Amino acid sequence: MSDVGSVFPTEGSEYFLCTDGWTLVAPTRRFDDAVVTMCNDPTIELGCWQTVLLIDGNVGLGGDPQRILGRAAELLACGGRCVAEFDAEVIGIRAGWITLESARQVGPWFRWASVGLDSAAMLAREVGLRMTGVHLIGERVIADMAVF
């Protein structure tokens, strides 16, 4: 398994949560065999992934959720799906600049968008995906989108 972050199955669910950032998880029959890679890696093949997973608000990376979901759609095989977390407390799309801070350090500023669930179906259609379901996993709102 790659060292880009931790991947773990959620209790009572088929979904996988990744703690590292924008990650693809293509589970095989055994969880140990899951393939993990970064979506923006130019060496990965397009049109052959069964699942693209975007959690922790990563649909908003770069402040451009349409670009992020568009890349996810490019990676998916026919019948593949994108599983993305949306913000239950945001209405619409709020783009801006943010920085991450800890008690000891302040990171650089970068573009980010918070994307409300109300915008998920519209964004999906714009990039050739269709909404197939919405699931609550704890406090997370997860949208399932498929290639059409």
N, C-alpha and C. Protein backbone atom coordinates (compact mmCIF):
# COMPACT_ATOMS: atom_id res chain seq x y z
N MET A 1 0.84 -1.17 0.00
CA MET A 1 0.00 0.00 0.00
C MET A 1 0.88 1.24 0.00
N SER A 2 0.43 2.29 -0.63
CA SER A 2 1.15 3.55 -0.73
C SER A 2 1.26 4.23 0.63
N ASP A 3 2.21 5.15 0.75
CA ASP A 3 2.37 5.86 2.01
C ASP A 3 1.73 7.24 1.97
N VAL A 4 0.76 7.48 1.08
CA VAL A 4 0.14 8.80 0.98
C VAL A 4 -0.85 9.09 2.09
N GLY A 5 -1.19 8.13 2.89
CA GLY A 5 -2.13 8.39 3.98
C GLY A 5 -2.73 7.10 4.47
N SER A 6 -3.65 7.21 5.38
CA SER A 6 -4.32 6.05 5.93
C SER A 6 -5.65 5.85 5.23
N VAL A 7 -5.97 4.62 4.97
CA VAL A 7 -7.25 4.28 4.35
C VAL A 7 -7.91 3.26 5.25
N PHE A 8 -9.18 3.48 5.57
CA PHE A 8 -9.85 2.53 6.43
C PHE A 8 -11.31 2.41 6.04
N PRO A 9 -11.88 1.21 6.16
CA PRO A 9 -13.31 1.06 5.84
C PRO A 9 -14.14 1.66 6.96
N THR A 10 -15.28 2.22 6.61
CA THR A 10 -16.18 2.75 7.63
C THR A 10 -17.09 1.62 8.09
N GLU A 11 -17.41 1.61 9.35
CA GLU A 11 -18.22 0.56 9.93
C GLU A 11 -19.59 0.48 9.27
N GLY A 12 -19.96 -0.71 8.84
CA GLY A 12 -21.27 -0.93 8.25
C GLY A 12 -21.46 -0.30 6.89
N SER A 13 -20.36 0.00 6.17
CA SER A 13 -20.48 0.68 4.89
C SER A 13 -19.47 0.11 3.91
N GLU A 14 -19.76 0.28 2.62
CA GLU A 14 -18.82 -0.13 1.59
C GLU A 14 -17.81 0.97 1.29
N TYR A 15 -17.95 2.14 1.87
CA TYR A 15 -17.08 3.27 1.56
C TYR A 15 -15.78 3.20 2.33
N PHE A 16 -14.76 3.81 1.74
CA PHE A 16 -13.47 3.91 2.37
C PHE A 16 -13.17 5.38 2.61
N LEU A 17 -12.63 5.71 3.76
CA LEU A 17 -12.24 7.08 4.07
C LEU A 17 -10.72 7.18 4.03
N CYS A 18 -10.20 8.23 3.44
CA CYS A 18 -8.77 8.45 3.34
C CYS A 18 -8.41 9.69 4.12
N THR A 19 -7.33 9.64 4.86
CA THR A 19 -6.97 10.76 5.72
C THR A 19 -5.92 11.67 5.11
N ASP A 20 -5.47 11.40 3.89
CA ASP A 20 -4.35 12.15 3.33
C ASP A 20 -4.73 13.30 2.43
N GLY A 21 -5.86 13.32 1.85
CA GLY A 21 -6.19 14.33 0.86
C GLY A 21 -6.89 13.69 -0.31
N TRP A 22 -6.68 14.20 -1.48
CA TRP A 22 -7.39 13.79 -2.68
C TRP A 22 -6.87 12.46 -3.15
N THR A 23 -7.55 11.39 -2.87
CA THR A 23 -7.04 10.04 -3.09
C THR A 23 -8.04 9.17 -3.83
N LEU A 24 -7.51 8.33 -4.69
CA LEU A 24 -8.32 7.31 -5.35
C LEU A 24 -8.20 6.03 -4.55
N VAL A 25 -9.28 5.35 -4.36
CA VAL A 25 -9.22 4.04 -3.74
C VAL A 25 -9.97 3.09 -4.65
N ALA A 26 -9.29 2.09 -5.15
CA ALA A 26 -9.91 1.09 -6.02
C ALA A 26 -9.88 -0.24 -5.27
N PRO A 27 -10.88 -0.51 -4.44
CA PRO A 27 -10.84 -1.73 -3.66
C PRO A 27 -10.95 -2.98 -4.53
N THR A 28 -10.22 -3.98 -4.15
CA THR A 28 -10.30 -5.28 -4.81
C THR A 28 -11.05 -6.20 -3.86
N ARG A 29 -11.03 -7.49 -4.10
CA ARG A 29 -11.76 -8.40 -3.23
C ARG A 29 -11.25 -8.36 -1.79
N ARG A 30 -9.97 -8.18 -1.62
CA ARG A 30 -9.40 -8.07 -0.27
C ARG A 30 -9.00 -6.63 -0.02
N PHE A 31 -9.33 -6.10 1.15
CA PHE A 31 -9.02 -4.71 1.46
C PHE A 31 -7.52 -4.44 1.35
N ASP A 32 -6.70 -5.42 1.75
CA ASP A 32 -5.24 -5.22 1.71
C ASP A 32 -4.75 -4.90 0.30
N ASP A 33 -5.51 -5.31 -0.71
CA ASP A 33 -5.08 -5.12 -2.09
C ASP A 33 -5.58 -3.81 -2.70
N ALA A 34 -6.21 -2.95 -1.90
CA ALA A 34 -6.71 -1.67 -2.44
C ALA A 34 -5.55 -0.89 -3.04
N VAL A 35 -5.82 -0.24 -4.15
CA VAL A 35 -4.82 0.58 -4.82
C VAL A 35 -5.08 2.02 -4.42
N VAL A 36 -4.06 2.71 -3.94
CA VAL A 36 -4.20 4.10 -3.52
C VAL A 36 -3.22 4.95 -4.32
N THR A 37 -3.71 6.04 -4.92
CA THR A 37 -2.85 6.95 -5.66
C THR A 37 -3.47 8.34 -5.66
N MET A 38 -2.70 9.33 -5.98
CA MET A 38 -3.22 10.69 -6.02
C MET A 38 -3.88 10.93 -7.39
N CYS A 39 -5.04 11.58 -7.39
CA CYS A 39 -5.80 11.82 -8.62
C CYS A 39 -5.03 12.67 -9.64
N ASN A 40 -4.21 13.60 -9.17
CA ASN A 40 -3.54 14.49 -10.11
C ASN A 40 -2.23 13.93 -10.62
N ASP A 41 -1.93 12.67 -10.35
CA ASP A 41 -0.73 12.02 -10.87
C ASP A 41 -0.90 11.84 -12.37
N PRO A 42 -0.02 12.47 -13.20
CA PRO A 42 -0.19 12.40 -14.65
C PRO A 42 0.08 11.01 -15.24
N THR A 43 0.63 10.10 -14.45
CA THR A 43 0.95 8.78 -14.98
C THR A 43 -0.20 7.78 -14.85
N ILE A 44 -1.26 8.13 -14.14
CA ILE A 44 -2.35 7.16 -13.99
C ILE A 44 -3.21 7.14 -15.25
N GLU A 45 -3.75 5.99 -15.53
CA GLU A 45 -4.55 5.81 -16.74
C GLU A 45 -5.93 6.41 -16.58
N LEU A 46 -6.41 7.02 -17.65
CA LEU A 46 -7.75 7.60 -17.65
C LEU A 46 -8.75 6.53 -18.06
N GLY A 47 -9.97 6.66 -17.56
CA GLY A 47 -11.06 5.80 -18.00
C GLY A 47 -11.00 4.36 -17.54
N CYS A 48 -10.26 4.07 -16.47
CA CYS A 48 -10.17 2.66 -16.05
C CYS A 48 -10.41 2.45 -14.56
N TRP A 49 -10.75 3.50 -13.83
CA TRP A 49 -10.98 3.37 -12.39
C TRP A 49 -12.44 3.05 -12.11
N GLN A 50 -12.67 2.17 -11.16
CA GLN A 50 -14.03 1.85 -10.74
C GLN A 50 -14.56 2.86 -9.73
N THR A 51 -13.67 3.41 -8.89
CA THR A 51 -14.10 4.34 -7.84
C THR A 51 -13.08 5.46 -7.68
N VAL A 52 -13.59 6.68 -7.62
CA VAL A 52 -12.78 7.83 -7.23
C VAL A 52 -13.41 8.37 -5.96
N LEU A 53 -12.60 8.55 -4.92
CA LEU A 53 -13.09 8.98 -3.62
C LEU A 53 -12.55 10.37 -3.29
N LEU A 54 -13.45 11.29 -3.01
CA LEU A 54 -13.09 12.66 -2.62
C LEU A 54 -13.75 12.94 -1.28
N ILE A 55 -12.95 12.98 -0.19
CA ILE A 55 -13.54 13.26 1.12
C ILE A 55 -12.85 14.44 1.76
N ASP A 56 -13.28 14.77 2.95
CA ASP A 56 -12.74 15.90 3.71
C ASP A 56 -12.81 17.19 2.93
N GLY A 57 -13.84 17.34 2.10
CA GLY A 57 -14.03 18.57 1.34
C GLY A 57 -13.11 18.71 0.14
N ASN A 58 -12.42 17.64 -0.23
CA ASN A 58 -11.43 17.74 -1.31
C ASN A 58 -12.03 18.03 -2.67
N VAL A 59 -13.35 17.97 -2.80
CA VAL A 59 -13.99 18.41 -4.03
C VAL A 59 -13.72 19.90 -4.24
N GLY A 60 -13.35 20.61 -3.19
CA GLY A 60 -13.08 22.05 -3.27
C GLY A 60 -11.62 22.43 -3.47
N LEU A 61 -10.74 21.46 -3.67
CA LEU A 61 -9.32 21.77 -3.87
C LEU A 61 -9.11 22.76 -5.00
N GLY A 62 -8.26 23.71 -4.78
CA GLY A 62 -7.94 24.70 -5.81
C GLY A 62 -9.04 25.71 -6.03
N GLY A 63 -10.10 25.64 -5.24
CA GLY A 63 -11.21 26.57 -5.39
C GLY A 63 -12.06 26.31 -6.61
N ASP A 64 -11.90 25.14 -7.25
CA ASP A 64 -12.57 24.85 -8.51
C ASP A 64 -13.18 23.44 -8.49
N PRO A 65 -14.34 23.28 -7.85
CA PRO A 65 -14.93 21.94 -7.75
C PRO A 65 -15.30 21.34 -9.10
N GLN A 66 -15.62 22.16 -10.09
CA GLN A 66 -15.93 21.61 -11.41
C GLN A 66 -14.70 20.93 -12.01
N ARG A 67 -13.53 21.53 -11.84
CA ARG A 67 -12.30 20.93 -12.34
C ARG A 67 -11.99 19.62 -11.62
N ILE A 68 -12.18 19.60 -10.30
CA ILE A 68 -11.90 18.39 -9.52
C ILE A 68 -12.84 17.26 -9.92
N LEU A 69 -14.14 17.54 -9.99
CA LEU A 69 -15.09 16.49 -10.40
C LEU A 69 -14.88 16.10 -11.86
N GLY A 70 -14.49 17.06 -12.70
CA GLY A 70 -14.19 16.74 -14.10
C GLY A 70 -13.03 15.77 -14.21
N ARG A 71 -11.99 15.98 -13.40
CA ARG A 71 -10.85 15.05 -13.40
C ARG A 71 -11.30 13.68 -12.91
N ALA A 72 -12.13 13.66 -11.88
CA ALA A 72 -12.64 12.38 -11.39
C ALA A 72 -13.41 11.65 -12.49
N ALA A 73 -14.25 12.37 -13.23
CA ALA A 73 -15.01 11.76 -14.33
C ALA A 73 -14.09 11.21 -15.40
N GLU A 74 -12.98 11.90 -15.70
CA GLU A 74 -12.02 11.42 -16.70
C GLU A 74 -11.39 10.10 -16.28
N LEU A 75 -11.19 9.91 -15.00
CA LEU A 75 -10.53 8.71 -14.49
C LEU A 75 -11.44 7.49 -14.45
N LEU A 76 -12.75 7.72 -14.39
CA LEU A 76 -13.69 6.62 -14.21
C LEU A 76 -13.92 5.81 -15.48
N ALA A 77 -14.01 4.51 -15.29
CA ALA A 77 -14.40 3.58 -16.36
C ALA A 77 -15.91 3.64 -16.52
N CYS A 78 -16.40 3.11 -17.63
CA CYS A 78 -17.85 2.98 -17.83
C CYS A 78 -18.40 2.17 -16.65
N GLY A 79 -19.43 2.67 -16.01
CA GLY A 79 -19.99 2.01 -14.84
C GLY A 79 -19.30 2.39 -13.54
N GLY A 80 -18.24 3.20 -13.62
CA GLY A 80 -17.52 3.62 -12.42
C GLY A 80 -18.29 4.67 -11.65
N ARG A 81 -17.84 4.94 -10.43
CA ARG A 81 -18.53 5.93 -9.62
C ARG A 81 -17.55 6.82 -8.87
N CYS A 82 -18.02 8.01 -8.60
CA CYS A 82 -17.30 8.98 -7.79
C CYS A 82 -18.06 9.10 -6.48
N VAL A 83 -17.36 8.93 -5.38
CA VAL A 83 -17.94 9.06 -4.06
C VAL A 83 -17.32 10.31 -3.45
N ALA A 84 -18.13 11.34 -3.21
CA ALA A 84 -17.59 12.62 -2.76
C ALA A 84 -18.35 13.13 -1.55
N GLU A 85 -17.59 13.73 -0.63
CA GLU A 85 -18.20 14.34 0.54
C GLU A 85 -18.49 15.80 0.23
N PHE A 86 -19.69 16.24 0.59
CA PHE A 86 -20.09 17.63 0.43
C PHE A 86 -20.38 18.22 1.79
N ASP A 87 -20.41 19.53 1.87
CA ASP A 87 -20.60 20.24 3.13
C ASP A 87 -22.09 20.42 3.42
N ALA A 88 -22.55 19.79 4.49
CA ALA A 88 -23.97 19.85 4.85
C ALA A 88 -24.38 21.23 5.36
N GLU A 89 -23.42 22.05 5.76
CA GLU A 89 -23.74 23.35 6.35
C GLU A 89 -23.58 24.52 5.38
N VAL A 90 -23.20 24.23 4.14
CA VAL A 90 -22.99 25.29 3.14
C VAL A 90 -24.09 25.20 2.10
N ILE A 91 -24.55 26.35 1.63
CA ILE A 91 -25.49 26.40 0.51
C ILE A 91 -24.72 26.99 -0.66
N GLY A 92 -24.77 26.31 -1.80
CA GLY A 92 -24.05 26.76 -2.98
C GLY A 92 -22.57 26.42 -2.91
N ILE A 93 -21.78 27.25 -3.57
CA ILE A 93 -20.33 27.06 -3.61
C ILE A 93 -19.69 28.34 -3.10
N ARG A 94 -18.85 28.21 -2.09
CA ARG A 94 -18.14 29.35 -1.52
C ARG A 94 -16.65 29.17 -1.76
N ALA A 95 -16.11 29.93 -2.69
CA ALA A 95 -14.68 29.83 -3.01
C ALA A 95 -13.92 30.98 -2.36
N GLY A 96 -12.70 30.71 -1.97
CA GLY A 96 -11.86 31.75 -1.36
C GLY A 96 -10.48 31.21 -1.06
N TRP A 97 -9.76 31.93 -0.26
CA TRP A 97 -8.40 31.56 0.15
C TRP A 97 -8.43 31.13 1.60
N ILE A 98 -7.71 30.04 1.92
CA ILE A 98 -7.62 29.59 3.31
C ILE A 98 -6.17 29.24 3.63
N THR A 99 -5.90 29.11 4.90
CA THR A 99 -4.62 28.62 5.37
C THR A 99 -4.89 27.65 6.52
N LEU A 100 -4.04 26.70 6.68
CA LEU A 100 -4.18 25.75 7.79
C LEU A 100 -3.21 26.15 8.89
N GLU A 101 -3.68 26.10 10.13
CA GLU A 101 -2.86 26.52 11.26
C GLU A 101 -2.88 25.46 12.34
N SER A 102 -1.75 25.35 13.03
CA SER A 102 -1.67 24.51 14.22
C SER A 102 -1.18 25.41 15.35
N ALA A 103 -0.99 24.86 16.52
CA ALA A 103 -0.49 25.64 17.65
C ALA A 103 0.92 26.17 17.38
N ARG A 104 1.68 25.50 16.51
CA ARG A 104 3.07 25.87 16.26
C ARG A 104 3.36 26.43 14.87
N GLN A 105 2.45 26.29 13.96
CA GLN A 105 2.78 26.60 12.56
C GLN A 105 1.58 27.13 11.80
N VAL A 106 1.84 28.01 10.85
CA VAL A 106 0.82 28.52 9.93
C VAL A 106 1.26 28.14 8.53
N GLY A 107 0.40 27.47 7.79
CA GLY A 107 0.74 27.03 6.44
C GLY A 107 0.53 28.14 5.42
N PRO A 108 0.88 27.87 4.18
CA PRO A 108 0.68 28.86 3.11
C PRO A 108 -0.80 29.01 2.75
N TRP A 109 -1.16 30.13 2.17
CA TRP A 109 -2.52 30.35 1.70
C TRP A 109 -2.75 29.59 0.40
N PHE A 110 -3.95 29.04 0.24
CA PHE A 110 -4.29 28.34 -1.00
C PHE A 110 -5.78 28.48 -1.27
N ARG A 111 -6.16 28.29 -2.56
CA ARG A 111 -7.57 28.38 -2.97
C ARG A 111 -8.32 27.15 -2.48
N TRP A 112 -9.55 27.39 -2.05
CA TRP A 112 -10.40 26.32 -1.55
C TRP A 112 -11.85 26.70 -1.80
N ALA A 113 -12.69 25.72 -2.01
CA ALA A 113 -14.13 25.96 -2.12
C ALA A 113 -14.85 25.00 -1.19
N SER A 114 -15.81 25.54 -0.47
CA SER A 114 -16.73 24.70 0.30
C SER A 114 -17.94 24.51 -0.60
N VAL A 115 -18.35 23.25 -0.77
CA VAL A 115 -19.42 22.94 -1.72
C VAL A 115 -20.58 22.29 -0.98
N GLY A 116 -21.73 22.94 -1.04
CA GLY A 116 -22.92 22.41 -0.40
C GLY A 116 -23.51 21.26 -1.18
N LEU A 117 -24.20 20.38 -0.48
CA LEU A 117 -24.85 19.25 -1.13
C LEU A 117 -25.84 19.70 -2.19
N ASP A 118 -26.43 20.89 -2.01
CA ASP A 118 -27.40 21.40 -2.98
C ASP A 118 -26.77 21.65 -4.35
N SER A 119 -25.45 21.74 -4.42
CA SER A 119 -24.75 21.97 -5.70
C SER A 119 -24.21 20.70 -6.33
N ALA A 120 -24.30 19.59 -5.62
CA ALA A 120 -23.69 18.34 -6.09
C ALA A 120 -24.27 17.86 -7.42
N ALA A 121 -25.58 17.81 -7.56
CA ALA A 121 -26.19 17.29 -8.80
C ALA A 121 -25.84 18.17 -9.99
N MET A 122 -25.86 19.49 -9.81
CA MET A 122 -25.51 20.41 -10.90
C MET A 122 -24.06 20.20 -11.34
N LEU A 123 -23.13 20.14 -10.38
CA LEU A 123 -21.72 19.92 -10.72
C LEU A 123 -21.53 18.58 -11.41
N ALA A 124 -22.21 17.56 -10.91
CA ALA A 124 -22.10 16.23 -11.51
C ALA A 124 -22.52 16.26 -12.98
N ARG A 125 -23.68 16.87 -13.26
CA ARG A 125 -24.17 16.95 -14.65
C ARG A 125 -23.18 17.69 -15.55
N GLU A 126 -22.59 18.76 -15.03
CA GLU A 126 -21.66 19.58 -15.84
C GLU A 126 -20.44 18.79 -16.29
N VAL A 127 -20.08 17.72 -15.57
CA VAL A 127 -18.88 16.96 -15.92
C VAL A 127 -19.19 15.55 -16.43
N GLY A 128 -20.48 15.28 -16.70
CA GLY A 128 -20.85 13.98 -17.26
C GLY A 128 -21.10 12.89 -16.23
N LEU A 129 -21.43 13.28 -15.01
CA LEU A 129 -21.79 12.32 -13.98
C LEU A 129 -23.25 12.53 -13.61
N ARG A 130 -23.85 11.53 -12.98
CA ARG A 130 -25.21 11.70 -12.48
C ARG A 130 -25.25 11.24 -11.03
N MET A 131 -26.03 11.94 -10.24
CA MET A 131 -26.20 11.57 -8.82
C MET A 131 -26.99 10.26 -8.75
N THR A 132 -26.49 9.34 -7.95
CA THR A 132 -27.20 8.08 -7.77
C THR A 132 -27.61 7.86 -6.32
N GLY A 133 -27.13 8.69 -5.43
CA GLY A 133 -27.52 8.54 -4.03
C GLY A 133 -26.79 9.50 -3.12
N VAL A 134 -27.37 9.70 -1.96
CA VAL A 134 -26.76 10.51 -0.91
C VAL A 134 -26.84 9.68 0.36
N HIS A 135 -25.74 9.64 1.11
CA HIS A 135 -25.67 8.81 2.30
C HIS A 135 -25.11 9.63 3.46
N LEU A 136 -25.64 9.40 4.64
CA LEU A 136 -25.09 9.98 5.84
C LEU A 136 -24.23 8.92 6.51
N ILE A 137 -22.97 9.25 6.74
CA ILE A 137 -22.05 8.37 7.45
C ILE A 137 -21.53 9.18 8.62
N GLY A 138 -22.08 8.92 9.79
CA GLY A 138 -21.79 9.78 10.94
C GLY A 138 -22.30 11.17 10.62
N GLU A 139 -21.42 12.17 10.71
CA GLU A 139 -21.80 13.55 10.39
C GLU A 139 -21.44 13.92 8.95
N ARG A 140 -20.91 12.98 8.20
CA ARG A 140 -20.50 13.23 6.82
C ARG A 140 -21.67 13.03 5.86
N VAL A 141 -21.75 13.87 4.83
CA VAL A 141 -22.74 13.74 3.78
C VAL A 141 -21.99 13.31 2.53
N ILE A 142 -22.28 12.12 2.07
CA ILE A 142 -21.55 11.50 0.96
C ILE A 142 -22.50 11.37 -0.23
N ALA A 143 -22.07 11.88 -1.38
CA ALA A 143 -22.86 11.73 -2.62
C ALA A 143 -22.20 10.69 -3.50
N ASP A 144 -23.02 9.84 -4.05
CA ASP A 144 -22.58 8.81 -4.98
C ASP A 144 -22.94 9.31 -6.38
N MET A 145 -21.97 9.36 -7.29
CA MET A 145 -22.19 9.81 -8.65
C MET A 145 -21.64 8.77 -9.61
N ALA A 146 -22.31 8.57 -10.73
CA ALA A 146 -21.89 7.56 -11.69
C ALA A 146 -21.68 8.18 -13.06
N VAL A 147 -20.85 7.54 -13.85
CA VAL A 147 -20.63 7.94 -15.23
C VAL A 147 -21.89 7.61 -16.02
N PHE A 148 -22.32 8.52 -16.88
CA PHE A 148 -23.46 8.19 -17.76
C PHE A 148 -23.09 8.40 -19.20
